[in-house]
């Protein structure tokens, strides 16, 4: 028998994240062979009937990971209560089921974003243990001097904690403003914008150009492409972190 934890099977079916599946188990919404399942239970989907809210669990689909070039103004969420356009709206309707964004990118920022139905991949790319790098091209107001860039590289205090060291270099200047390349191994809320403000050089434009080595390349803004397994499966190497989950 191929028994697996129920939260893993539910997430693999594209219904939600593992964390949300754990909540469903605690709420008694999952049954195995008509018996209410508990957190920690395992089952073999080939031999047992698993239901969520009375509906049979769909067979596991082929894993999907998409690289999307998010435009400014699009919300990085599965849905928006205010009715604003979300990243899922950029996909054909038939592609959307089960997908969620991996991490976040501010509405007023643009660039690389991953969408997937793989909860494990989401954990590996969003948990700080794995040190996956994200690369940004950032236009800032004015021209930061060497001292300001060194402070950014070494880390500044945000929300009472120092940021991790960053790779920051100036690429070019135009009309008195500077284009910087910033590479981070963490992603606190509006981190680049807040640091740039603290240094006296507010962000004019922020584009993420790569995530964990997966680069936008010539992907058009608003466009997306389905990644090959060989592009994203290396990111799954390593042990699983403590519980976490995507926005589902």
Protein backbone atom coordinates (compact mmCIF):
# COMPACT_ATOMS: atom_id res chain seq x y z
CA UNK A 1 0.00 0.00 0.00
CA UNK A 2 1.12 3.57 -0.74
CA UNK A 3 -0.06 5.34 2.39
CA UNK A 4 0.54 9.07 2.78
CA UNK A 5 -0.57 11.76 5.22
CA UNK A 6 -3.99 13.09 4.31
CA UNK A 7 -2.92 16.74 4.25
CA UNK A 8 -0.28 15.88 1.64
CA UNK A 9 -2.82 14.03 -0.52
CA UNK A 10 -5.32 16.90 -0.31
CA UNK A 11 -2.70 19.49 -1.23
CA UNK A 12 -1.45 17.31 -4.11
CA UNK A 13 -5.00 17.17 -5.47
CA UNK A 14 -4.90 20.96 -5.75
CA UNK A 15 -7.65 21.74 -3.24
CA UNK A 16 -5.56 23.87 -0.88
CA UNK A 17 -2.23 24.12 0.93
CA UNK A 18 -1.11 21.51 3.45
CA UNK A 19 -1.66 24.00 6.25
CA UNK A 20 -5.26 24.57 5.17
CA UNK A 21 -5.76 20.80 4.80
CA UNK A 22 -4.62 20.36 8.40
CA UNK A 23 -7.29 22.86 9.46
CA UNK A 24 -9.90 20.89 7.51
CA UNK A 25 -8.85 17.70 9.29
CA UNK A 26 -9.19 19.40 12.68
CA UNK A 27 -12.65 20.61 11.62
CA UNK A 28 -13.76 17.06 10.77
CA UNK A 29 -14.32 17.82 7.10
CA UNK A 30 -12.30 14.86 5.82
CA UNK A 31 -13.38 11.21 5.84
CA UNK A 32 -11.63 7.98 4.88
CA UNK A 33 -13.94 5.08 4.04
CA UNK A 34 -16.80 7.04 5.67
CA UNK A 35 -14.87 7.49 8.93
CA UNK A 36 -14.00 11.01 10.07
CA UNK A 37 -10.25 11.38 9.79
CA UNK A 38 -7.95 13.03 12.32
CA UNK A 39 -4.80 15.08 11.93
CA UNK A 40 -1.89 12.69 11.42
CA UNK A 41 -3.95 9.98 9.71
CA UNK A 42 -2.65 8.35 6.56
CA UNK A 43 -4.45 6.71 3.65
CA UNK A 44 -3.82 4.99 0.33
CA UNK A 45 -5.84 6.81 -2.37
CA UNK A 46 -5.66 3.71 -4.61
CA UNK A 47 -7.28 1.52 -1.97
CA UNK A 48 -9.41 3.86 0.15
CA UNK A 49 -12.15 6.42 -0.49
CA UNK A 50 -11.08 9.87 0.70
CA UNK A 51 -13.73 12.60 0.80
CA UNK A 52 -13.58 16.32 1.63
CA UNK A 53 -16.94 17.81 2.59
CA UNK A 54 -18.52 14.64 1.22
CA UNK A 55 -16.89 14.94 -2.22
CA UNK A 56 -14.41 12.29 -3.40
CA UNK A 57 -10.84 13.47 -3.60
CA UNK A 58 -9.80 13.85 -7.23
CA UNK A 59 -6.89 11.84 -8.55
CA UNK A 60 -3.54 13.53 -8.34
CA UNK A 61 -2.81 15.60 -11.43
CA UNK A 62 0.51 16.17 -13.13
CA UNK A 63 2.43 18.80 -11.18
CA UNK A 64 2.27 22.30 -12.65
CA UNK A 65 4.68 25.19 -12.09
CA UNK A 66 4.29 28.40 -14.09
CA UNK A 67 6.58 31.41 -14.38
CA UNK A 68 4.54 34.59 -14.83
CA UNK A 69 5.59 38.17 -15.57
CA UNK A 70 3.26 40.14 -13.30
CA UNK A 71 2.27 43.65 -14.40
CA UNK A 72 1.86 46.58 -12.04
CA UNK A 73 -1.62 46.80 -10.51
CA UNK A 74 -2.33 43.06 -10.52
CA UNK A 75 -2.91 41.56 -7.06
CA UNK A 76 -0.72 38.64 -6.01
CA UNK A 77 -3.52 36.54 -4.56
CA UNK A 78 -5.86 33.69 -5.42
CA UNK A 79 -8.85 36.00 -5.08
CA UNK A 80 -9.54 39.59 -4.05
CA UNK A 81 -12.57 40.66 -1.95
CA UNK A 82 -12.44 44.10 -3.59
CA UNK A 83 -12.78 42.62 -7.05
CA UNK A 84 -9.38 43.73 -8.26
CA UNK A 85 -7.56 41.78 -10.97
CA UNK A 86 -5.45 38.92 -9.58
CA UNK A 87 -2.59 36.93 -11.05
CA UNK A 88 -4.95 34.01 -11.72
CA UNK A 89 -6.97 36.30 -14.00
CA UNK A 90 -3.95 36.42 -16.32
CA UNK A 91 -4.36 32.69 -17.04
CA UNK A 92 -6.93 30.92 -19.24
CA UNK A 93 -9.89 29.78 -17.07
CA UNK A 94 -9.07 26.14 -17.63
CA UNK A 95 -5.57 26.59 -16.19
CA UNK A 96 -6.50 28.22 -12.89
CA UNK A 97 -7.85 25.41 -10.72
CA UNK A 98 -5.53 24.43 -7.89
CA UNK A 99 -2.86 27.04 -8.63
CA UNK A 100 -1.63 29.56 -6.09
CA UNK A 101 1.14 32.17 -6.15
CA UNK A 102 4.42 31.26 -4.46
CA UNK A 103 5.09 34.15 -2.11
CA UNK A 104 4.04 37.67 -2.98
CA UNK A 105 4.93 40.64 -5.13
CA UNK A 106 3.43 44.04 -4.27
CA UNK A 107 0.63 45.39 -6.45
CA UNK A 108 2.85 48.34 -7.41
CA UNK A 109 5.77 46.04 -8.33
CA UNK A 110 6.18 43.88 -11.41
CA UNK A 111 8.10 40.90 -12.66
CA UNK A 112 8.77 37.25 -11.92
CA UNK A 113 6.24 35.24 -9.94
CA UNK A 114 5.78 31.48 -9.69
CA UNK A 115 2.37 29.82 -9.65
CA UNK A 116 2.01 26.17 -8.69
CA UNK A 117 -0.24 23.45 -7.32
CA UNK A 118 2.70 21.96 -5.41
CA UNK A 119 2.59 22.76 -1.69
CA UNK A 120 6.05 21.32 -1.07
CA UNK A 121 7.61 23.62 -3.66
CA UNK A 122 5.87 26.60 -2.08
CA UNK A 123 7.38 25.71 1.30
CA UNK A 124 10.86 25.35 -0.13
CA UNK A 125 10.72 28.74 -1.88
CA UNK A 126 9.15 30.75 0.94
CA UNK A 127 10.77 29.29 4.07
CA UNK A 128 13.95 31.19 5.05
CA UNK A 129 15.85 27.97 5.80
CA UNK A 130 16.51 27.37 2.11
CA UNK A 131 18.14 30.69 1.19
CA UNK A 132 16.68 30.86 -2.31
CA UNK A 133 17.76 34.09 -3.98
CA UNK A 134 15.49 36.59 -5.69
CA UNK A 135 16.94 39.21 -8.03
CA UNK A 136 15.45 42.66 -8.66
CA UNK A 137 16.12 45.61 -10.94
CA UNK A 138 15.22 48.76 -9.03
CA UNK A 139 15.16 52.36 -10.20
CA UNK A 140 15.60 54.69 -7.23
CA UNK A 141 15.40 58.44 -6.91
CA UNK A 142 18.83 60.07 -6.88
CA UNK A 143 22.16 58.28 -6.87
CA UNK A 144 23.05 56.36 -3.67
CA UNK A 145 26.68 56.84 -2.68
CA UNK A 146 29.04 54.03 -1.71
CA UNK A 147 28.21 54.44 1.98
CA UNK A 148 24.47 54.00 1.41
CA UNK A 149 25.00 50.90 -0.72
CA UNK A 150 27.32 49.39 1.91
CA UNK A 151 24.68 49.93 4.61
CA UNK A 152 22.14 48.13 2.42
CA UNK A 153 24.54 45.25 1.79
CA UNK A 154 25.32 44.79 5.48
CA UNK A 155 21.70 44.97 6.66
CA UNK A 156 19.41 47.54 8.28
CA UNK A 157 16.85 47.34 11.05
CA UNK A 158 13.28 46.63 9.91
CA UNK A 159 10.54 45.87 12.44
CA UNK A 160 13.12 45.49 15.19
CA UNK A 161 15.28 42.94 13.32
CA UNK A 162 18.25 43.43 11.06
CA UNK A 163 17.86 42.35 7.47
CA UNK A 164 20.08 39.65 6.07
CA UNK A 165 23.10 40.70 3.99
CA UNK A 166 22.15 41.60 0.41
CA UNK A 167 23.99 41.86 -2.88
CA UNK A 168 23.50 45.39 -4.19
CA UNK A 169 25.25 47.04 -7.13
CA UNK A 170 24.65 50.12 -9.23
CA UNK A 171 24.11 49.34 -12.92
CA UNK A 172 23.65 52.78 -14.49
CA UNK A 173 22.27 56.26 -14.03
CA UNK A 174 19.72 58.22 -16.05
CA UNK A 175 18.27 61.68 -15.53
CA UNK A 176 19.85 61.85 -12.09
CA UNK A 177 18.35 58.52 -10.92
CA UNK A 178 20.02 55.13 -10.47
CA UNK A 179 19.23 51.59 -11.57
CA UNK A 180 20.29 49.05 -8.95
CA UNK A 181 20.48 45.28 -9.01
CA UNK A 182 19.40 43.87 -5.64
CA UNK A 183 19.65 40.20 -4.69
CA UNK A 184 17.90 39.05 -1.52
CA UNK A 185 17.62 35.80 0.42
CA UNK A 186 14.55 36.91 2.34
CA UNK A 187 11.32 38.69 1.54
CA UNK A 188 9.89 40.85 4.30
CA UNK A 189 6.89 43.04 3.60
CA UNK A 190 7.88 45.77 1.08
CA UNK A 191 11.49 45.26 2.14
CA UNK A 192 13.24 46.91 -0.80
CA UNK A 193 10.94 49.93 -0.81
CA UNK A 194 11.29 50.49 2.93
CA UNK A 195 15.08 50.22 2.89
CA UNK A 196 15.34 52.55 -0.10
CA UNK A 197 13.14 55.07 1.74
CA UNK A 198 15.31 54.79 4.86
CA UNK A 199 18.39 55.51 2.77
CA UNK A 200 16.75 58.58 1.24
CA UNK A 201 16.32 57.11 -2.26
CA UNK A 202 12.65 56.15 -2.81
CA UNK A 203 11.84 53.46 -5.35
CA UNK A 204 10.57 54.66 -8.72
CA UNK A 205 10.19 51.22 -10.32
CA UNK A 206 10.72 47.70 -9.00
CA UNK A 207 10.96 44.61 -11.16
CA UNK A 208 11.80 41.09 -9.98
CA UNK A 209 13.79 39.46 -12.76
CA UNK A 210 14.63 36.03 -11.28
CA UNK A 211 13.55 33.62 -8.55
CA UNK A 212 15.98 30.92 -7.42
CA UNK A 213 17.76 31.08 -10.77
CA UNK A 214 14.54 31.01 -12.83
CA UNK A 215 14.82 34.18 -14.93
CA UNK A 216 12.14 36.10 -16.82
CA UNK A 217 14.27 36.28 -19.94
CA UNK A 218 12.17 37.59 -22.82
CA UNK A 219 8.81 36.68 -21.25
CA UNK A 220 6.42 39.52 -22.02
CA UNK A 221 4.68 41.45 -19.25
CA UNK A 222 1.39 39.70 -18.43
CA UNK A 223 2.67 36.52 -20.08
CA UNK A 224 3.50 33.15 -18.57
CA UNK A 225 5.10 29.84 -19.44
CA UNK A 226 4.79 26.34 -18.04
CA UNK A 227 8.12 25.23 -16.59
CA UNK A 228 9.61 21.86 -17.42
CA UNK A 229 10.08 19.48 -14.48
CA UNK A 230 13.83 19.71 -14.84
CA UNK A 231 13.65 23.47 -14.19
CA UNK A 232 11.93 23.30 -10.82
CA UNK A 233 12.48 19.84 -9.29
CA UNK A 234 16.06 20.74 -8.17
CA UNK A 235 14.45 23.30 -5.85
CA UNK A 236 12.88 20.45 -3.85
CA UNK A 237 16.24 19.21 -2.57
CA UNK A 238 16.63 19.36 1.20
CA UNK A 239 14.55 18.50 4.25
CA UNK A 240 11.09 19.91 4.80
CA UNK A 241 10.77 22.88 7.18
CA UNK A 242 8.20 23.31 9.95
CA UNK A 243 4.58 23.74 8.90
CA UNK A 244 3.78 26.60 6.62
CA UNK A 245 1.67 27.19 3.53
CA UNK A 246 0.64 29.39 0.64
CA UNK A 247 -2.25 31.79 0.43
CA UNK A 248 -4.90 29.18 -0.28
